[in-house]
N, C-alpha and C. Protein backbone atom coordinates (compact mmCIF):
# COMPACT_ATOMS: atom_id res chain seq x y z
N MET A 1 0.93 -1.34 0.02
CA MET A 1 0.07 -0.20 0.02
C MET A 1 0.91 1.31 0.15
N LYS A 2 0.67 2.14 -0.89
CA LYS A 2 1.41 3.36 -0.97
C LYS A 2 0.92 4.38 -0.16
N ALA A 3 1.27 5.21 0.38
CA ALA A 3 0.63 6.14 1.31
C ALA A 3 0.65 7.42 0.23
N PRO A 4 -0.21 8.34 0.32
CA PRO A 4 -0.09 9.55 -0.47
C PRO A 4 0.92 10.84 -0.01
N SER A 5 1.10 11.67 -0.74
CA SER A 5 2.24 12.68 -0.60
C SER A 5 1.59 13.38 0.82
N LEU A 6 2.61 14.31 1.48
CA LEU A 6 2.15 14.91 2.45
C LEU A 6 1.01 16.24 1.98
N ALA A 7 1.14 16.35 0.63
CA ALA A 7 0.68 18.02 0.35
C ALA A 7 -1.36 17.17 0.12
N ILE A 8 -1.17 15.96 -0.24
CA ILE A 8 -2.67 15.45 -0.07
C ILE A 8 -3.22 14.98 1.05
N LEU A 9 -2.33 14.85 2.22
CA LEU A 9 -2.88 14.70 3.52
C LEU A 9 -3.16 15.99 4.04
N LYS A 10 -2.12 16.91 3.89
CA LYS A 10 -2.30 18.30 4.45
C LYS A 10 -3.78 19.00 3.91
N LYS A 11 -4.27 18.71 2.56
CA LYS A 11 -5.58 19.20 1.97
C LYS A 11 -6.41 18.59 2.73
N GLU A 12 -6.50 17.07 3.18
CA GLU A 12 -7.69 16.54 3.47
C GLU A 12 -7.98 16.91 5.10
N LEU A 13 -6.47 17.22 5.75
CA LEU A 13 -6.64 18.13 6.99
C LEU A 13 -7.30 19.17 7.23
N LYS A 14 -7.27 19.95 6.11
CA LYS A 14 -8.08 21.27 6.12
C LYS A 14 -9.62 21.54 6.18
N HIS A 15 -10.09 20.02 5.39
CA HIS A 15 -11.53 19.91 5.47
C HIS A 15 -11.88 19.45 6.70
N ARG A 16 -11.33 19.23 7.49
CA ARG A 16 -11.59 18.40 9.09
C ARG A 16 -11.63 19.71 9.69
N SER A 17 -12.88 19.60 10.93
CA SER A 17 -13.16 20.30 12.20
C SER A 17 -11.99 20.51 13.25
N PRO A 18 -12.18 21.35 14.19
CA PRO A 18 -10.99 21.26 14.91
C PRO A 18 -11.28 20.35 16.28
N GLU A 19 -12.42 19.88 16.27
CA GLU A 19 -12.73 18.65 17.11
C GLU A 19 -11.80 17.14 16.42
N GLU A 20 -12.33 17.19 15.04
CA GLU A 20 -11.84 15.83 14.58
C GLU A 20 -10.28 15.71 14.37
N LEU A 21 -9.72 17.17 14.35
CA LEU A 21 -8.07 17.18 14.15
C LEU A 21 -7.43 16.88 15.61
N GLU A 22 -8.07 17.41 16.52
CA GLU A 22 -7.61 17.02 18.07
C GLU A 22 -7.54 15.69 18.06
N ALA A 23 -8.74 14.92 17.97
CA ALA A 23 -9.13 13.04 17.85
C ALA A 23 -7.80 12.63 17.24
N LEU A 24 -7.59 12.99 15.87
CA LEU A 24 -6.64 12.76 15.18
C LEU A 24 -5.35 12.61 15.59
N CYS A 25 -4.86 13.72 16.15
CA CYS A 25 -3.75 14.01 17.02
C CYS A 25 -3.31 13.02 17.99
N LEU A 26 -4.49 13.11 18.98
CA LEU A 26 -4.17 12.27 20.19
C LEU A 26 -3.92 10.80 19.65
N ARG A 27 -4.74 10.72 18.94
CA ARG A 27 -4.61 9.06 18.52
C ARG A 27 -3.34 8.67 18.23
N LEU A 28 -2.79 9.81 17.34
CA LEU A 28 -1.59 9.86 16.39
C LEU A 28 -0.64 9.83 17.39
N ALA A 29 -0.62 10.28 18.56
CA ALA A 29 0.58 10.42 19.52
C ALA A 29 0.67 9.34 20.26
N ARG A 30 0.17 8.31 20.02
CA ARG A 30 0.50 7.08 20.39
C ARG A 30 1.43 6.21 19.69
N PHE A 31 1.57 6.91 18.50
CA PHE A 31 2.31 5.71 17.61
C PHE A 31 3.86 6.32 17.40
N LYS A 32 4.67 5.87 16.92
CA LYS A 32 5.72 6.31 16.34
C LYS A 32 5.96 6.45 14.97
N LYS A 33 7.34 5.62 14.28
CA LYS A 33 7.20 5.81 12.90
C LYS A 33 6.04 5.52 11.87
N GLU A 34 5.09 4.50 12.41
CA GLU A 34 4.04 4.70 11.63
C GLU A 34 3.08 5.70 11.48
N ASN A 35 3.61 6.85 12.10
CA ASN A 35 2.27 8.01 12.24
C ASN A 35 1.67 8.22 10.74
N LYS A 36 2.28 8.23 9.38
CA LYS A 36 1.74 8.43 8.52
C LYS A 36 1.06 7.59 7.55
N GLU A 37 1.13 6.34 8.20
CA GLU A 37 0.52 5.35 7.37
C GLU A 37 -1.00 5.40 8.34
N LEU A 38 -0.91 5.68 9.79
CA LEU A 38 -1.94 5.70 10.89
C LEU A 38 -2.88 6.92 10.28
N LEU A 39 -2.16 7.77 10.07
CA LEU A 39 -2.84 8.88 9.57
C LEU A 39 -3.42 8.92 8.32
N VAL A 40 -2.89 8.27 7.39
CA VAL A 40 -3.75 8.00 5.91
C VAL A 40 -4.94 6.82 6.32
N TYR A 41 -4.51 6.03 7.21
CA TYR A 41 -5.90 5.16 7.62
C TYR A 41 -6.86 5.87 7.99
N LEU A 42 -6.43 7.14 9.07
CA LEU A 42 -7.57 7.77 9.87
C LEU A 42 -8.48 8.61 8.94
N LEU A 43 -7.87 8.87 7.76
CA LEU A 43 -8.39 10.21 7.10
C LEU A 43 -9.18 9.65 5.85
N PHE A 44 -8.53 8.53 5.23
CA PHE A 44 -9.26 7.76 4.00
C PHE A 44 -9.70 6.39 4.11
N ASP A 45 -9.41 5.76 5.25
CA ASP A 45 -9.77 4.31 5.26
C ASP A 45 -10.81 4.02 6.14
N VAL A 46 -10.66 4.74 7.18
CA VAL A 46 -11.79 4.53 8.21
C VAL A 46 -13.35 4.16 7.90
N ASP A 47 -13.82 5.18 6.89
CA ASP A 47 -14.95 5.09 6.55
C ASP A 47 -15.41 3.96 5.56
N ASN A 48 -14.40 3.43 5.11
CA ASN A 48 -14.36 2.06 4.02
C ASN A 48 -13.70 1.07 4.63
N GLU A 49 -13.73 0.74 5.72
CA GLU A 49 -13.09 -0.74 6.03
C GLU A 49 -13.05 -1.90 5.32
N ALA A 50 -14.14 -2.16 4.39
CA ALA A 50 -13.92 -3.46 3.69
C ALA A 50 -12.61 -2.86 2.46
N HIS A 51 -12.66 -1.77 1.78
CA HIS A 51 -11.44 -1.29 1.13
C HIS A 51 -10.08 -1.47 1.44
N TYR A 52 -10.32 -1.38 2.86
CA TYR A 52 -9.12 -1.20 3.67
C TYR A 52 -8.49 -2.65 3.77
N VAL A 53 -9.54 -3.35 4.22
CA VAL A 53 -9.36 -5.02 4.00
C VAL A 53 -8.53 -5.55 2.76
N GLU A 54 -9.11 -4.85 1.83
CA GLU A 54 -8.98 -5.72 0.49
C GLU A 54 -7.33 -5.19 0.04
N GLU A 55 -7.13 -3.88 0.44
CA GLU A 55 -5.92 -3.59 0.09
C GLU A 55 -4.53 -3.99 0.78
N VAL A 56 -5.07 -4.46 2.51
CA VAL A 56 -4.09 -4.99 3.05
C VAL A 56 -3.78 -6.67 2.55
N LYS A 57 -5.00 -7.24 2.10
CA LYS A 57 -4.70 -8.48 1.42
C LYS A 57 -4.34 -8.42 0.22
N GLU A 58 -4.33 -7.23 -0.51
CA GLU A 58 -3.31 -7.30 -1.75
C GLU A 58 -1.98 -7.52 -1.47
N TYR A 59 -1.70 -6.63 -0.29
CA TYR A 59 -0.43 -6.31 0.30
C TYR A 59 0.14 -7.68 0.67
N ILE A 60 -0.62 -8.36 1.50
CA ILE A 60 -0.03 -9.93 1.86
C ILE A 60 0.03 -10.94 0.58
N SER A 61 -0.54 -10.72 -0.48
CA SER A 61 -0.50 -11.74 -1.56
C SER A 61 0.60 -11.46 -2.20
N GLU A 62 1.06 -9.99 -2.42
CA GLU A 62 2.04 -9.32 -3.23
C GLU A 62 3.25 -9.81 -2.24
N ALA A 63 3.36 -9.71 -0.94
CA ALA A 63 4.51 -9.83 -0.21
C ALA A 63 5.10 -11.27 -0.54
N PHE A 64 3.86 -12.27 -0.26
CA PHE A 64 4.30 -13.67 -0.53
C PHE A 64 4.82 -13.94 -1.81
N THR A 65 4.30 -13.43 -2.79
CA THR A 65 4.79 -13.73 -4.24
C THR A 65 6.63 -13.04 -4.33
N GLU A 66 6.71 -12.05 -3.65
CA GLU A 66 8.09 -11.62 -3.45
C GLU A 66 8.99 -12.21 -2.81
N ILE A 67 8.84 -13.26 -1.84
CA ILE A 67 9.75 -14.15 -0.87
C ILE A 67 10.84 -14.60 -1.78
N ASN A 68 12.03 -14.32 -1.29
CA ASN A 68 13.21 -15.08 -1.83
C ASN A 68 13.38 -16.73 -1.22
N THR A 69 12.95 -17.65 -2.36
CA THR A 69 12.83 -19.00 -2.05
C THR A 69 14.14 -19.71 -1.93
N HIS A 70 15.19 -18.95 -2.17
CA HIS A 70 16.48 -19.93 -2.42
C HIS A 70 16.70 -20.63 -1.06
N SER A 71 16.61 -19.92 0.12
CA SER A 71 17.20 -20.43 1.40
C SER A 71 15.97 -20.24 2.35
N PHE A 72 15.94 -21.40 3.10
CA PHE A 72 14.74 -21.39 3.86
C PHE A 72 14.96 -20.16 5.32
N HIS A 73 16.04 -19.67 5.48
CA HIS A 73 16.28 -18.43 6.29
C HIS A 73 15.47 -17.35 5.95
N TYR A 74 15.78 -16.76 4.82
CA TYR A 74 14.81 -15.74 4.25
C TYR A 74 13.44 -15.94 4.00
N ILE A 75 13.13 -17.25 3.68
CA ILE A 75 11.86 -17.37 3.77
C ILE A 75 10.93 -17.12 5.25
N LYS A 76 11.49 -17.72 6.21
CA LYS A 76 11.15 -17.51 7.74
C LYS A 76 11.08 -15.96 7.89
N LYS A 77 12.05 -15.58 7.59
CA LYS A 77 12.31 -14.12 7.82
C LYS A 77 11.35 -13.23 7.07
N SER A 78 10.89 -13.59 5.89
CA SER A 78 10.11 -12.83 5.04
C SER A 78 8.74 -13.03 5.63
N ILE A 79 8.50 -14.25 5.99
CA ILE A 79 7.18 -14.35 6.39
C ILE A 79 6.95 -13.81 7.76
N ARG A 80 7.72 -13.72 8.86
CA ARG A 80 7.61 -13.11 10.16
C ARG A 80 7.42 -11.78 9.91
N ARG A 81 8.27 -11.04 8.71
CA ARG A 81 8.08 -9.27 8.37
C ARG A 81 6.39 -9.14 7.48
N ILE A 82 6.01 -10.16 7.09
CA ILE A 82 4.56 -10.00 6.54
C ILE A 82 3.77 -10.06 7.45
N LEU A 83 3.92 -10.95 8.89
CA LEU A 83 2.97 -10.84 9.84
C LEU A 83 3.13 -9.85 10.30
N ARG A 84 4.20 -9.25 10.63
CA ARG A 84 4.40 -7.93 11.77
C ARG A 84 4.10 -6.95 10.86
N VAL A 85 3.87 -6.89 9.74
CA VAL A 85 3.33 -5.59 9.11
C VAL A 85 1.81 -5.73 8.71
N THR A 86 1.43 -6.64 8.83
CA THR A 86 -0.22 -7.26 8.54
C THR A 86 -0.81 -7.05 10.43
N LYS A 87 0.00 -7.18 11.21
CA LYS A 87 -0.66 -6.90 12.61
C LYS A 87 -0.31 -5.29 12.89
N ARG A 88 0.52 -4.64 12.04
CA ARG A 88 0.53 -3.14 12.41
C ARG A 88 -0.56 -2.74 11.51
N TYR A 89 -1.16 -3.04 10.24
CA TYR A 89 -2.29 -2.60 9.69
C TYR A 89 -3.27 -3.07 10.63
N ILE A 90 -3.61 -4.01 11.34
CA ILE A 90 -4.46 -4.52 12.32
C ILE A 90 -4.93 -3.55 13.16
N ARG A 91 -3.34 -3.17 13.78
CA ARG A 91 -3.68 -2.26 15.22
C ARG A 91 -4.14 -0.95 14.79
N TYR A 92 -3.84 -0.44 13.52
CA TYR A 92 -4.56 0.82 12.83
C TYR A 92 -5.87 0.89 12.98
N SER A 93 -6.62 -0.50 12.43
CA SER A 93 -7.95 -0.32 12.29
C SER A 93 -8.49 -0.61 13.73
N SER A 94 -7.94 -1.43 14.28
CA SER A 94 -8.61 -1.62 15.74
C SER A 94 -10.40 -2.40 15.63
N VAL A 95 -10.58 -3.07 14.54
CA VAL A 95 -11.74 -3.50 14.40
C VAL A 95 -11.55 -4.95 14.30
N LYS A 96 -12.34 -5.80 15.05
CA LYS A 96 -12.00 -7.41 15.57
C LYS A 96 -12.37 -8.01 14.08
N GLU A 97 -13.58 -7.59 13.57
CA GLU A 97 -13.75 -8.38 12.20
C GLU A 97 -12.59 -8.02 11.20
N THR A 98 -12.02 -7.20 11.32
CA THR A 98 -10.79 -6.72 10.19
C THR A 98 -9.54 -7.60 10.66
N GLU A 99 -9.38 -7.73 12.07
CA GLU A 99 -8.29 -8.37 12.30
C GLU A 99 -8.51 -9.89 12.03
N ILE A 100 -9.35 -10.70 12.40
CA ILE A 100 -9.75 -11.92 11.80
C ILE A 100 -9.86 -12.00 10.27
N GLU A 101 -10.17 -11.36 9.62
CA GLU A 101 -10.08 -11.09 8.17
C GLU A 101 -9.16 -11.36 7.50
N LEU A 102 -7.92 -10.56 8.09
CA LEU A 102 -6.31 -10.42 7.43
C LEU A 102 -5.82 -11.40 8.26
N LEU A 103 -5.71 -11.71 9.39
CA LEU A 103 -5.11 -12.99 9.93
C LEU A 103 -5.60 -14.26 9.07
N LEU A 104 -7.31 -14.28 8.86
CA LEU A 104 -7.60 -15.64 7.87
C LEU A 104 -6.87 -15.47 6.88
N HIS A 105 -6.87 -14.62 5.70
CA HIS A 105 -6.07 -14.27 4.50
C HIS A 105 -4.46 -14.76 4.67
N PHE A 106 -3.71 -14.19 5.98
CA PHE A 106 -2.61 -14.64 6.26
C PHE A 106 -2.34 -15.98 6.21
N CYS A 107 -2.98 -16.88 7.01
CA CYS A 107 -3.06 -18.19 7.45
C CYS A 107 -3.09 -18.74 6.12
N LYS A 108 -4.06 -18.57 5.39
CA LYS A 108 -4.38 -19.18 3.88
C LYS A 108 -3.50 -19.01 3.15
N THR A 109 -3.05 -17.91 2.75
CA THR A 109 -1.64 -17.67 1.73
C THR A 109 -0.31 -18.39 2.41
N LEU A 110 -0.38 -18.58 3.68
CA LEU A 110 1.03 -19.12 4.16
C LEU A 110 0.67 -20.53 4.01
N ILE A 111 -0.27 -21.30 4.12
CA ILE A 111 -0.24 -22.56 3.84
C ILE A 111 -0.13 -23.17 2.58
N GLU A 112 -0.74 -22.08 1.55
CA GLU A 112 -0.59 -22.41 0.17
C GLU A 112 1.22 -21.89 -0.31
N PHE A 113 1.84 -21.34 0.23
CA PHE A 113 2.73 -20.83 -0.01
C PHE A 113 3.94 -21.90 -0.35
N LYS A 114 4.48 -22.05 -1.51
CA LYS A 114 5.50 -22.98 -2.01
C LYS A 114 6.81 -22.34 -2.14
N PRO A 115 7.62 -22.86 -1.58
CA PRO A 115 7.79 -24.36 -0.91
C PRO A 115 7.22 -24.50 0.20
N THR A 116 6.51 -25.44 0.51
CA THR A 116 5.71 -25.77 2.00
C THR A 116 6.25 -25.39 3.01
N ILE A 117 5.61 -25.15 4.09
CA ILE A 117 6.19 -24.89 5.32
C ILE A 117 5.80 -25.58 6.18
N LYS A 118 5.17 -27.15 5.84
CA LYS A 118 4.70 -28.26 6.47
C LYS A 118 5.53 -28.75 7.47
N ASN A 119 6.68 -28.95 6.74
CA ASN A 119 7.93 -29.79 7.57
C ASN A 119 8.76 -28.62 8.61
N ASN A 120 8.15 -27.41 8.63
CA ASN A 120 9.24 -26.60 9.31
C ASN A 120 8.32 -26.08 10.73
N ALA A 121 8.99 -26.76 11.74
CA ALA A 121 8.12 -26.38 13.15
C ALA A 121 7.86 -25.01 13.60
N ALA A 122 8.89 -24.29 13.44
CA ALA A 122 8.81 -22.74 13.73
C ALA A 122 7.53 -22.03 12.93
N MET A 123 7.41 -22.69 11.52
CA MET A 123 6.53 -21.82 10.58
C MET A 123 5.27 -22.60 11.28
N MET A 124 5.07 -23.83 11.21
CA MET A 124 3.98 -24.17 11.74
C MET A 124 3.49 -23.81 12.85
N ARG A 125 4.29 -23.66 14.07
CA ARG A 125 3.74 -22.84 15.19
C ARG A 125 3.43 -21.73 15.06
N LEU A 126 4.14 -20.95 14.30
CA LEU A 126 3.45 -19.60 13.96
C LEU A 126 2.31 -19.47 13.20
N TYR A 127 1.94 -20.44 12.52
CA TYR A 127 0.51 -20.55 11.89
C TYR A 127 -0.45 -21.32 12.82
N TYR A 128 0.02 -22.06 13.97
CA TYR A 128 -1.20 -22.52 14.99
C TYR A 128 -1.25 -21.02 16.07
N ASN A 129 -0.27 -20.22 16.27
CA ASN A 129 -0.78 -19.50 17.02
C ASN A 129 -1.36 -18.38 16.38
N GLN A 130 -1.58 -18.16 14.99
CA GLN A 130 -2.41 -17.15 14.14
C GLN A 130 -3.81 -17.56 14.40
N ILE A 131 -3.96 -19.10 14.38
CA ILE A 131 -5.19 -19.72 14.56
C ILE A 131 -5.62 -19.60 16.13
N LYS A 132 -4.94 -19.86 16.80
CA LYS A 132 -5.28 -19.51 18.27
C LYS A 132 -5.71 -18.31 18.60
N LEU A 133 -5.17 -17.47 18.27
CA LEU A 133 -5.56 -15.81 18.26
C LEU A 133 -6.68 -15.56 17.61
N MET A 134 -6.98 -16.14 16.32
CA MET A 134 -8.25 -15.91 15.70
C MET A 134 -9.35 -16.32 16.58
N GLU A 135 -9.08 -17.76 17.46
CA GLU A 135 -10.37 -18.30 18.11
C GLU A 135 -10.57 -17.64 19.07
N ARG A 136 -9.52 -16.74 19.79
CA ARG A 136 -9.80 -16.15 21.11
C ARG A 136 -10.59 -14.85 20.64
N LYS A 137 -10.03 -13.97 19.55
CA LYS A 137 -10.54 -12.86 19.03
C LYS A 137 -12.21 -13.11 18.86
N LEU A 138 -12.59 -13.84 18.43
CA LEU A 138 -13.78 -14.66 18.08
C LEU A 138 -14.92 -14.34 19.15
N GLU A 139 -14.58 -14.47 20.29
CA GLU A 139 -15.54 -14.36 21.48
C GLU A 139 -15.93 -13.00 21.58
N GLY A 140 -15.15 -12.12 20.82
CA GLY A 140 -15.79 -10.87 21.52
C GLY A 140 -16.69 -10.21 19.89
N LEU A 141 -17.24 -11.33 19.18
CA LEU A 141 -17.81 -10.97 17.96
C LEU A 141 -19.55 -11.02 17.96
N HIS A 142 -19.98 -10.83 17.44
CA HIS A 142 -21.34 -11.15 17.21
C HIS A 142 -21.72 -12.58 17.02
N GLU A 143 -22.83 -13.53 17.53
CA GLU A 143 -22.69 -14.60 17.45
C GLU A 143 -22.61 -15.13 15.90
N ASP A 144 -23.70 -14.39 15.15
CA ASP A 144 -23.50 -14.67 13.53
C ASP A 144 -22.29 -14.54 13.13
N LEU A 145 -21.50 -13.57 13.27
CA LEU A 145 -20.07 -13.35 12.84
C LEU A 145 -19.30 -14.75 13.54
N GLN A 146 -19.57 -15.03 14.87
CA GLN A 146 -18.78 -15.93 15.35
C GLN A 146 -18.84 -17.26 14.55
N TYR A 147 -19.88 -17.48 14.28
CA TYR A 147 -20.27 -18.73 13.16
C TYR A 147 -19.42 -18.82 12.04
N ASP A 148 -19.87 -17.62 11.17
CA ASP A 148 -19.11 -17.76 10.14
C ASP A 148 -17.49 -17.68 10.07
N TYR A 149 -17.01 -16.88 10.94
CA TYR A 149 -15.67 -16.85 11.05
C TYR A 149 -15.22 -18.53 11.42
N SER A 150 -15.79 -19.12 12.51
CA SER A 150 -15.14 -20.07 12.91
C SER A 150 -15.55 -21.17 12.06
N GLN A 151 -16.32 -21.07 11.19
CA GLN A 151 -16.57 -22.31 9.80
C GLN A 151 -15.19 -21.86 8.83
N GLU A 152 -14.86 -20.97 8.74
CA GLU A 152 -13.75 -20.24 7.81
C GLU A 152 -12.54 -20.84 8.60
N ILE A 153 -12.30 -20.55 9.58
CA ILE A 153 -11.09 -21.19 10.63
C ILE A 153 -10.97 -22.70 10.42
N ALA A 154 -12.08 -23.34 10.55
CA ALA A 154 -12.30 -25.05 10.66
C ALA A 154 -11.98 -25.50 9.26
N LYS A 155 -12.08 -24.51 8.27
CA LYS A 155 -11.64 -24.96 6.67
C LYS A 155 -10.22 -25.04 6.76
N LEU A 156 -9.44 -24.04 7.38
CA LEU A 156 -8.10 -24.04 7.22
C LEU A 156 -7.54 -25.47 7.42
N PRO A 157 -6.75 -26.04 6.64
CA PRO A 157 -5.49 -27.30 6.82
C PRO A 157 -5.04 -27.40 8.13
N PHE A 158 -4.91 -28.22 8.78
CA PHE A 158 -4.22 -28.78 9.78
C PHE A 158 -4.52 -27.94 11.33
N THR A 159 -6.14 -27.56 11.16
CA THR A 159 -6.40 -26.95 12.38
C THR A 159 -6.77 -27.83 13.53
N GLU A 160 -6.40 -27.73 14.83
CA GLU A 160 -6.50 -28.57 15.78
C GLU A 160 -7.84 -28.92 16.00
N LYS A 161 -8.30 -29.92 16.13
CA LYS A 161 -10.05 -30.31 16.53
C LYS A 161 -10.18 -30.92 17.70
């Protein structure tokens, strides 16, 4: 995901009320180097969460295609980096449905990745930990969403039942 230039951000800030600006700045103060990405989310994507989720999913898919597959060391390092960035995007949103949706996509993409991670204990542990995290996050959702997402999680390969 490319962030717009500062000029575009500045124009968007001019259209906001002082109360909105204050709320944006207070939320922005909690973060460090990711300030620009968070501000982009707050200004452009907060009203269209579905579009934001699709953009992050595209990033995840694209990042998996760019992994250097010549060494398993680079594969593990790249997968951990993709997960770290995905969690950063999840933190910006702070919507539980978005978190589960993005982690589901990460796990699906991870398990379909070639060369397979099935024989690597560290990568399988990372995969299982994300599944457990999604299952814990399900508890805070509405019952209908819980059922839908639990069905999606159950479809993932290697889920412990």
